[in-house]
Amino acid sequence: MTKRSLPDEEAVNLYKTIGKNVKKFRTQKGLTQLELSLEMGYKSVSLVSAAELYTNNKHFNIEHLQKISKILNVPIAAFFEENH
C-alpha cells in the first residue's frame, strides 16, 4: 500500500459535502462564520471559512463536527448527507 500526500477523490468529495452542509445549517440558524468560530473556541473565521469551501485542503475533523453539531443543534450525521 502506498502513501498518498493528497486525499483521494472520494475523500475530497466527502469533505466538500460536509463543508456545504455545515454552511447550510449555519446559515439556517442565522449564524455568521465568526459567530460559529467563536462558539467553537476560535478567535477568527480562518478554519470555518476554509473548511466550508474545502480551500487549501482544509476540512473539519470529527472534533470540529461534534462541536458544530451541538452549537447548531443538528445531528452529526446530517453533515454527511449528500443533497442531489
PDB file of N, CA and C in Angstrom:
ATOM      1  N   MET A   1       0.838  -1.173   0.000  1.00  0.00           N
ATOM      2  CA  MET A   1       0.000   0.000   0.000  1.00  0.00           C
ATOM      3  C   MET A   1       0.887   1.242   0.000  1.00  0.00           C
ATOM      4  N   THR A   2       0.612   2.160  -0.891  1.00  0.00           N
ATOM      5  CA  THR A   2       1.414   3.371  -0.972  1.00  0.00           C
ATOM      6  C   THR A   2       0.736   4.511  -0.234  1.00  0.00           C
ATOM      7  N   LYS A   3       1.551   5.379   0.323  1.00  0.00           N
ATOM      8  CA  LYS A   3       1.030   6.570   0.983  1.00  0.00           C
ATOM      9  C   LYS A   3       0.728   7.630  -0.069  1.00  0.00           C
ATOM     10  N   ARG A   4      -0.343   8.333   0.150  1.00  0.00           N
ATOM     11  CA  ARG A   4      -0.694   9.432  -0.749  1.00  0.00           C
ATOM     12  C   ARG A   4      -0.555  10.736   0.008  1.00  0.00           C
ATOM     13  N   SER A   5      -0.036  11.743  -0.654  1.00  0.00           N
ATOM     14  CA  SER A   5       0.120  13.026   0.006  1.00  0.00           C
ATOM     15  C   SER A   5      -1.166  13.847  -0.058  1.00  0.00           C
ATOM     16  N   LEU A   6      -2.020  13.550  -1.023  1.00  0.00           N
ATOM     17  CA  LEU A   6      -3.291  14.253  -1.147  1.00  0.00           C
ATOM     18  C   LEU A   6      -4.432  13.261  -1.010  1.00  0.00           C
ATOM     19  N   PRO A   7      -5.557  13.704  -0.449  1.00  0.00           N
ATOM     20  CA  PRO A   7      -6.698  12.801  -0.320  1.00  0.00           C
ATOM     21  C   PRO A   7      -7.218  12.357  -1.682  1.00  0.00           C
ATOM     22  N   ASP A   8      -7.777  11.162  -1.731  1.00  0.00           N
ATOM     23  CA  ASP A   8      -8.335  10.697  -2.986  1.00  0.00           C
ATOM     24  C   ASP A   8      -9.646  11.422  -3.281  1.00  0.00           C
ATOM     25  N   GLU A   9     -10.144  11.236  -4.471  1.00  0.00           N
ATOM     26  CA  GLU A   9     -11.321  11.968  -4.938  1.00  0.00           C
ATOM     27  C   GLU A   9     -12.538  11.734  -4.048  1.00  0.00           C
ATOM     28  N   GLU A  10     -12.703  10.522  -3.573  1.00  0.00           N
ATOM     29  CA  GLU A  10     -13.847  10.205  -2.710  1.00  0.00           C
ATOM     30  C   GLU A  10     -13.793  10.999  -1.407  1.00  0.00           C
ATOM     31  N   ALA A  11     -12.606  11.082  -0.816  1.00  0.00           N
ATOM     32  CA  ALA A  11     -12.439  11.853   0.418  1.00  0.00           C
ATOM     33  C   ALA A  11     -12.672  13.335   0.168  1.00  0.00           C
ATOM     34  N   VAL A  12     -12.145  13.850  -0.937  1.00  0.00           N
ATOM     35  CA  VAL A  12     -12.336  15.257  -1.276  1.00  0.00           C
ATOM     36  C   VAL A  12     -13.820  15.564  -1.427  1.00  0.00           C
ATOM     37  N   ASN A  13     -14.549  14.697  -2.113  1.00  0.00           N
ATOM     38  CA  ASN A  13     -15.986  14.908  -2.278  1.00  0.00           C
ATOM     39  C   ASN A  13     -16.705  14.888  -0.934  1.00  0.00           C
ATOM     40  N   LEU A  14     -16.279  14.025  -0.033  1.00  0.00           N
ATOM     41  CA  LEU A  14     -16.883  13.970   1.300  1.00  0.00           C
ATOM     42  C   LEU A  14     -16.597  15.259   2.065  1.00  0.00           C
ATOM     43  N   TYR A  15     -15.362  15.733   2.031  1.00  0.00           N
ATOM     44  CA  TYR A  15     -15.021  16.986   2.712  1.00  0.00           C
ATOM     45  C   TYR A  15     -15.851  18.147   2.159  1.00  0.00           C
ATOM     46  N   LYS A  16     -16.047  18.184   0.849  1.00  0.00           N
ATOM     47  CA  LYS A  16     -16.846  19.249   0.230  1.00  0.00           C
ATOM     48  C   LYS A  16     -18.305  19.155   0.651  1.00  0.00           C
ATOM     49  N   THR A  17     -18.835  17.940   0.703  1.00  0.00           N
ATOM     50  CA  THR A  17     -20.221  17.735   1.145  1.00  0.00           C
ATOM     51  C   THR A  17     -20.396  18.210   2.586  1.00  0.00           C
ATOM     52  N   ILE A  18     -19.467  17.836   3.442  1.00  0.00           N
ATOM     53  CA  ILE A  18     -19.534  18.248   4.841  1.00  0.00           C
ATOM     54  C   ILE A  18     -19.483  19.769   4.945  1.00  0.00           C
ATOM     55  N   GLY A  19     -18.569  20.404   4.219  1.00  0.00           N
ATOM     56  CA  GLY A  19     -18.454  21.860   4.256  1.00  0.00           C
ATOM     57  C   GLY A  19     -19.726  22.555   3.802  1.00  0.00           C
ATOM     58  N   LYS A  20     -20.320  22.063   2.714  1.00  0.00           N
ATOM     59  CA  LYS A  20     -21.574  22.649   2.213  1.00  0.00           C
ATOM     60  C   LYS A  20     -22.691  22.502   3.235  1.00  0.00           C
ATOM     61  N   ASN A  21     -22.742  21.339   3.875  1.00  0.00           N
ATOM     62  CA  ASN A  21     -23.797  21.116   4.863  1.00  0.00           C
ATOM     63  C   ASN A  21     -23.608  21.966   6.110  1.00  0.00           C
ATOM     64  N   VAL A  22     -22.372  22.120   6.559  1.00  0.00           N
ATOM     65  CA  VAL A  22     -22.120  22.999   7.707  1.00  0.00           C
ATOM     66  C   VAL A  22     -22.582  24.412   7.360  1.00  0.00           C
ATOM     67  N   LYS A  23     -22.234  24.886   6.178  1.00  0.00           N
ATOM     68  CA  LYS A  23     -22.654  26.233   5.764  1.00  0.00           C
ATOM     69  C   LYS A  23     -24.175  26.341   5.714  1.00  0.00           C
ATOM     70  N   LYS A  24     -24.820  25.334   5.149  1.00  0.00           N
ATOM     71  CA  LYS A  24     -26.286  25.347   5.036  1.00  0.00           C
ATOM     72  C   LYS A  24     -26.933  25.444   6.417  1.00  0.00           C
ATOM     73  N   PHE A  25     -26.525  24.587   7.337  1.00  0.00           N
ATOM     74  CA  PHE A  25     -27.127  24.600   8.672  1.00  0.00           C
ATOM     75  C   PHE A  25     -26.755  25.857   9.444  1.00  0.00           C
ATOM     76  N   ARG A  26     -25.527  26.338   9.255  1.00  0.00           N
ATOM     77  CA  ARG A  26     -25.096  27.575   9.930  1.00  0.00           C
ATOM     78  C   ARG A  26     -25.947  28.744   9.489  1.00  0.00           C
ATOM     79  N   THR A  27     -26.163  28.869   8.187  1.00  0.00           N
ATOM     80  CA  THR A  27     -26.954  29.997   7.678  1.00  0.00           C
ATOM     81  C   THR A  27     -28.429  29.848   8.057  1.00  0.00           C
ATOM     82  N   GLN A  28     -28.930  28.607   8.096  1.00  0.00           N
ATOM     83  CA  GLN A  28     -30.316  28.389   8.528  1.00  0.00           C
ATOM     84  C   GLN A  28     -30.524  28.843   9.975  1.00  0.00           C
ATOM     85  N   LYS A  29     -29.499  28.692  10.789  1.00  0.00           N
ATOM     86  CA  LYS A  29     -29.580  29.109  12.194  1.00  0.00           C
ATOM     87  C   LYS A  29     -29.274  30.593  12.359  1.00  0.00           C
ATOM     88  N   GLY A  30     -28.900  31.264  11.266  1.00  0.00           N
ATOM     89  CA  GLY A  30     -28.637  32.697  11.309  1.00  0.00           C
ATOM     90  C   GLY A  30     -27.305  33.073  11.921  1.00  0.00           C
ATOM     91  N   LEU A  31     -26.345  32.160  11.913  1.00  0.00           N
ATOM     92  CA  LEU A  31     -25.021  32.455  12.457  1.00  0.00           C
ATOM     93  C   LEU A  31     -24.045  32.832  11.345  1.00  0.00           C
ATOM     94  N   THR A  32     -23.183  33.784  11.638  1.00  0.00           N
ATOM     95  CA  THR A  32     -22.101  34.119  10.713  1.00  0.00           C
ATOM     96  C   THR A  32     -20.947  33.136  10.953  1.00  0.00           C
ATOM     97  N   GLN A  33     -19.990  33.156  10.044  1.00  0.00           N
ATOM     98  CA  GLN A  33     -18.793  32.323  10.238  1.00  0.00           C
ATOM     99  C   GLN A  33     -18.069  32.723  11.514  1.00  0.00           C
ATOM    100  N   LEU A  34     -18.015  34.011  11.795  1.00  0.00           N
ATOM    101  CA  LEU A  34     -17.336  34.480  13.001  1.00  0.00           C
ATOM    102  C   LEU A  34     -18.065  33.996  14.249  1.00  0.00           C
ATOM    103  N   GLU A  35     -19.379  34.082  14.264  1.00  0.00           N
ATOM    104  CA  GLU A  35     -20.132  33.633  15.430  1.00  0.00           C
ATOM    105  C   GLU A  35     -19.923  32.144  15.688  1.00  0.00           C
ATOM    106  N   LEU A  36     -19.959  31.342  14.625  1.00  0.00           N
ATOM    107  CA  LEU A  36     -19.717  29.907  14.781  1.00  0.00           C
ATOM    108  C   LEU A  36     -18.293  29.663  15.274  1.00  0.00           C
ATOM    109  N   SER A  37     -17.332  30.356  14.691  1.00  0.00           N
ATOM    110  CA  SER A  37     -15.930  30.202  15.104  1.00  0.00           C
ATOM    111  C   SER A  37     -15.749  30.515  16.583  1.00  0.00           C
ATOM    112  N   LEU A  38     -16.340  31.610  17.029  1.00  0.00           N
ATOM    113  CA  LEU A  38     -16.224  31.994  18.434  1.00  0.00           C
ATOM    114  C   LEU A  38     -16.873  30.956  19.341  1.00  0.00           C
ATOM    115  N   GLU A  39     -18.024  30.437  18.944  1.00  0.00           N
ATOM    116  CA  GLU A  39     -18.701  29.390  19.728  1.00  0.00           C
ATOM    117  C   GLU A  39     -17.838  28.131  19.816  1.00  0.00           C
ATOM    118  N   MET A  40     -17.066  27.878  18.765  1.00  0.00           N
ATOM    119  CA  MET A  40     -16.192  26.702  18.738  1.00  0.00           C
ATOM    120  C   MET A  40     -14.910  26.919  19.538  1.00  0.00           C
ATOM    121  N   GLY A  41     -14.644  28.167  19.935  1.00  0.00           N
ATOM    122  CA  GLY A  41     -13.445  28.471  20.705  1.00  0.00           C
ATOM    123  C   GLY A  41     -12.311  29.060  19.897  1.00  0.00           C
ATOM    124  N   TYR A  42     -12.598  29.476  18.660  1.00  0.00           N
ATOM    125  CA  TYR A  42     -11.577  30.085  17.800  1.00  0.00           C
ATOM    126  C   TYR A  42     -11.797  31.588  17.759  1.00  0.00           C
ATOM    127  N   LYS A  43     -10.725  32.333  17.511  1.00  0.00           N
ATOM    128  CA  LYS A  43     -10.799  33.788  17.524  1.00  0.00           C
ATOM    129  C   LYS A  43     -10.945  34.400  16.144  1.00  0.00           C
ATOM    130  N   SER A  44     -10.876  33.573  15.096  1.00  0.00           N
ATOM    131  CA  SER A  44     -11.032  34.084  13.740  1.00  0.00           C
ATOM    132  C   SER A  44     -11.837  33.090  12.915  1.00  0.00           C
ATOM    133  N   VAL A  45     -12.206  33.508  11.713  1.00  0.00           N
ATOM    134  CA  VAL A  45     -13.026  32.670  10.833  1.00  0.00           C
ATOM    135  C   VAL A  45     -12.178  31.760   9.942  1.00  0.00           C
ATOM    136  N   SER A  46     -10.884  31.766  10.107  1.00  0.00           N
ATOM    137  CA  SER A  46      -9.992  31.043   9.192  1.00  0.00           C
ATOM    138  C   SER A  46     -10.405  29.601   8.969  1.00  0.00           C
ATOM    139  N   LEU A  47     -10.580  28.844  10.030  1.00  0.00           N
ATOM    140  CA  LEU A  47     -10.926  27.431   9.891  1.00  0.00           C
ATOM    141  C   LEU A  47     -12.293  27.263   9.239  1.00  0.00           C
ATOM    142  N   VAL A  48     -13.298  27.948   9.766  1.00  0.00           N
ATOM    143  CA  VAL A  48     -14.664  27.767   9.257  1.00  0.00           C
ATOM    144  C   VAL A  48     -14.759  28.172   7.796  1.00  0.00           C
ATOM    145  N   SER A  49     -14.203  29.315   7.433  1.00  0.00           N
ATOM    146  CA  SER A  49     -14.328  29.758   6.039  1.00  0.00           C
ATOM    147  C   SER A  49     -13.583  28.829   5.088  1.00  0.00           C
ATOM    148  N   ALA A  50     -12.404  28.370   5.463  1.00  0.00           N
ATOM    149  CA  ALA A  50     -11.630  27.484   4.589  1.00  0.00           C
ATOM    150  C   ALA A  50     -12.274  26.101   4.503  1.00  0.00           C
ATOM    151  N   ALA A  51     -12.753  25.572   5.631  1.00  0.00           N
ATOM    152  CA  ALA A  51     -13.309  24.220   5.639  1.00  0.00           C
ATOM    153  C   ALA A  51     -14.680  24.163   4.960  1.00  0.00           C
ATOM    154  N   GLU A  52     -15.467  25.228   5.060  1.00  0.00           N
ATOM    155  CA  GLU A  52     -16.759  25.229   4.370  1.00  0.00           C
ATOM    156  C   GLU A  52     -16.578  25.107   2.860  1.00  0.00           C
ATOM    157  N   LEU A  53     -15.492  25.663   2.353  1.00  0.00           N
ATOM    158  CA  LEU A  53     -15.235  25.635   0.911  1.00  0.00           C
ATOM    159  C   LEU A  53     -14.185  24.601   0.517  1.00  0.00           C
ATOM    160  N   TYR A  54     -13.615  23.917   1.494  1.00  0.00           N
ATOM    161  CA  TYR A  54     -12.500  22.992   1.279  1.00  0.00           C
ATOM    162  C   TYR A  54     -11.366  23.691   0.515  1.00  0.00           C
ATOM    163  N   THR A  55     -10.933  24.816   1.057  1.00  0.00           N
ATOM    164  CA  THR A  55      -9.849  25.603   0.476  1.00  0.00           C
ATOM    165  C   THR A  55      -8.515  25.137   1.050  1.00  0.00           C
ATOM    166  N   ASN A  56      -7.523  24.999   0.193  1.00  0.00           N
ATOM    167  CA  ASN A  56      -6.173  24.593   0.624  1.00  0.00           C
ATOM    168  C   ASN A  56      -6.186  23.299   1.447  1.00  0.00           C
ATOM    169  N   ASN A  57      -7.053  22.366   1.056  1.00  0.00           N
ATOM    170  CA  ASN A  57      -7.184  21.066   1.728  1.00  0.00           C
ATOM    171  C   ASN A  57      -7.589  21.175   3.197  1.00  0.00           C
ATOM    172  N   LYS A  58      -8.174  22.305   3.588  1.00  0.00           N
ATOM    173  CA  LYS A  58      -8.653  22.478   4.963  1.00  0.00           C
ATOM    174  C   LYS A  58     -10.031  21.853   5.079  1.00  0.00           C
ATOM    175  N   HIS A  59     -10.212  21.055   6.122  1.00  0.00           N
ATOM    176  CA  HIS A  59     -11.507  20.419   6.334  1.00  0.00           C
ATOM    177  C   HIS A  59     -11.776  20.269   7.819  1.00  0.00           C
ATOM    178  N   PHE A  60     -13.047  20.062   8.152  1.00  0.00           N
ATOM    179  CA  PHE A  60     -13.426  19.849   9.539  1.00  0.00           C
ATOM    180  C   PHE A  60     -13.022  18.445   9.973  1.00  0.00           C
ATOM    181  N   ASN A  61     -12.524  18.314  11.195  1.00  0.00           N
ATOM    182  CA  ASN A  61     -12.252  16.989  11.739  1.00  0.00           C
ATOM    183  C   ASN A  61     -13.446  16.576  12.609  1.00  0.00           C
ATOM    184  N   ILE A  62     -13.400  15.398  13.161  1.00  0.00           N
ATOM    185  CA  ILE A  62     -14.541  14.876  13.909  1.00  0.00           C
ATOM    186  C   ILE A  62     -14.821  15.715  15.157  1.00  0.00           C
ATOM    187  N   GLU A  63     -13.786  16.238  15.784  1.00  0.00           N
ATOM    188  CA  GLU A  63     -13.982  17.102  16.958  1.00  0.00           C
ATOM    189  C   GLU A  63     -14.705  18.388  16.558  1.00  0.00           C
ATOM    190  N   HIS A  64     -14.305  18.975  15.436  1.00  0.00           N
ATOM    191  CA  HIS A  64     -14.992  20.171  14.943  1.00  0.00           C
ATOM    192  C   HIS A  64     -16.467  19.865  14.707  1.00  0.00           C
ATOM    193  N   LEU A  65     -16.726  18.743  14.030  1.00  0.00           N
ATOM    194  CA  LEU A  65     -18.106  18.394  13.688  1.00  0.00           C
ATOM    195  C   LEU A  65     -18.946  18.141  14.934  1.00  0.00           C
ATOM    196  N   GLN A  66     -18.347  17.562  15.947  1.00  0.00           N
ATOM    197  CA  GLN A  66     -19.071  17.326  17.193  1.00  0.00           C
ATOM    198  C   GLN A  66     -19.450  18.662  17.842  1.00  0.00           C
ATOM    199  N   LYS A  67     -18.522  19.611  17.871  1.00  0.00           N
ATOM    200  CA  LYS A  67     -18.806  20.941  18.428  1.00  0.00           C
ATOM    201  C   LYS A  67     -19.880  21.655  17.615  1.00  0.00           C
ATOM    202  N   ILE A  68     -19.740  21.625  16.294  1.00  0.00           N
ATOM    203  CA  ILE A  68     -20.703  22.303  15.415  1.00  0.00           C
ATOM    204  C   ILE A  68     -22.084  21.683  15.568  1.00  0.00           C
ATOM    205  N   SER A  69     -22.137  20.371  15.673  1.00  0.00           N
ATOM    206  CA  SER A  69     -23.392  19.658  15.862  1.00  0.00           C
ATOM    207  C   SER A  69     -24.122  20.164  17.100  1.00  0.00           C
ATOM    208  N   LYS A  70     -23.401  20.319  18.198  1.00  0.00           N
ATOM    209  CA  LYS A  70     -24.003  20.816  19.442  1.00  0.00           C
ATOM    210  C   LYS A  70     -24.411  22.282  19.323  1.00  0.00           C
ATOM    211  N   ILE A  71     -23.557  23.091  18.723  1.00  0.00           N
ATOM    212  CA  ILE A  71     -23.842  24.523  18.586  1.00  0.00           C
ATOM    213  C   ILE A  71     -25.087  24.751  17.733  1.00  0.00           C
ATOM    214  N   LEU A  72     -25.165  24.027  16.606  1.00  0.00           N
ATOM    215  CA  LEU A  72     -26.276  24.225  15.670  1.00  0.00           C
ATOM    216  C   LEU A  72     -27.483  23.343  15.983  1.00  0.00           C
ATOM    217  N   ASN A  73     -27.329  22.453  16.970  1.00  0.00           N
ATOM    218  CA  ASN A  73     -28.394  21.520  17.340  1.00  0.00           C
ATOM    219  C   ASN A  73     -28.856  20.702  16.129  1.00  0.00           C
ATOM    220  N   VAL A  74     -27.866  20.112  15.461  1.00  0.00           N
ATOM    221  CA  VAL A  74     -28.087  19.299  14.264  1.00  0.00           C
ATOM    222  C   VAL A  74     -27.389  17.954  14.500  1.00  0.00           C
ATOM    223  N   PRO A  75     -28.029  16.843  14.143  1.00  0.00           N
ATOM    224  CA  PRO A  75     -27.338  15.552  14.292  1.00  0.00           C
ATOM    225  C   PRO A  75     -26.063  15.533  13.447  1.00  0.00           C
ATOM    226  N   ILE A  76     -25.008  14.993  14.000  1.00  0.00           N
ATOM    227  CA  ILE A  76     -23.729  14.975  13.294  1.00  0.00           C
ATOM    228  C   ILE A  76     -23.844  14.262  11.945  1.00  0.00           C
ATOM    229  N   ALA A  77     -24.700  13.269  11.857  1.00  0.00           N
ATOM    230  CA  ALA A  77     -24.886  12.520  10.603  1.00  0.00           C
ATOM    231  C   ALA A  77     -25.399  13.414   9.481  1.00  0.00           C
ATOM    232  N   ALA A  78     -26.091  14.491   9.814  1.00  0.00           N
ATOM    233  CA  ALA A  78     -26.644  15.390   8.789  1.00  0.00           C
ATOM    234  C   ALA A  78     -25.548  16.044   7.952  1.00  0.00           C
ATOM    235  N   PHE A  79     -24.363  16.192   8.522  1.00  0.00           N
ATOM    236  CA  PHE A  79     -23.263  16.811   7.786  1.00  0.00           C
ATOM    237  C   PHE A  79     -22.754  15.931   6.647  1.00  0.00           C
ATOM    238  N   PHE A  80     -23.053  14.629   6.709  1.00  0.00           N
ATOM    239  CA  PHE A  80     -22.559  13.677   5.720  1.00  0.00           C
ATOM    240  C   PHE A  80     -23.575  13.408   4.596  1.00  0.00           C
ATOM    241  N   GLU A  81     -24.762  13.964   4.699  1.00  0.00           N
ATOM    242  CA  GLU A  81     -25.813  13.692   3.713  1.00  0.00           C
ATOM    243  C   GLU A  81     -25.562  14.474   2.429  1.00  0.00           C
ATOM    244  N   GLU A  82     -25.655  13.759   1.319  1.00  0.00           N
ATOM    245  CA  GLU A  82     -25.490  14.396   0.016  1.00  0.00           C
ATOM    246  C   GLU A  82     -26.830  14.893  -0.482  1.00  0.00           C
ATOM    247  N   ASN A  83     -26.866  16.115  -0.928  1.00  0.00           N
ATOM    248  CA  ASN A  83     -28.094  16.698  -1.482  1.00  0.00           C
ATOM    249  C   ASN A  83     -27.988  16.725  -2.985  1.00  0.00           C
ATOM    250  N   HIS A  84     -28.880  16.019  -3.632  1.00  0.00           N
ATOM    251  CA  HIS A  84     -28.822  15.932  -5.097  1.00  0.00           C
ATOM    252  C   HIS A  84     -29.837  16.846  -5.711  1.00  0.00           C
TER     253      HIS A  84
END
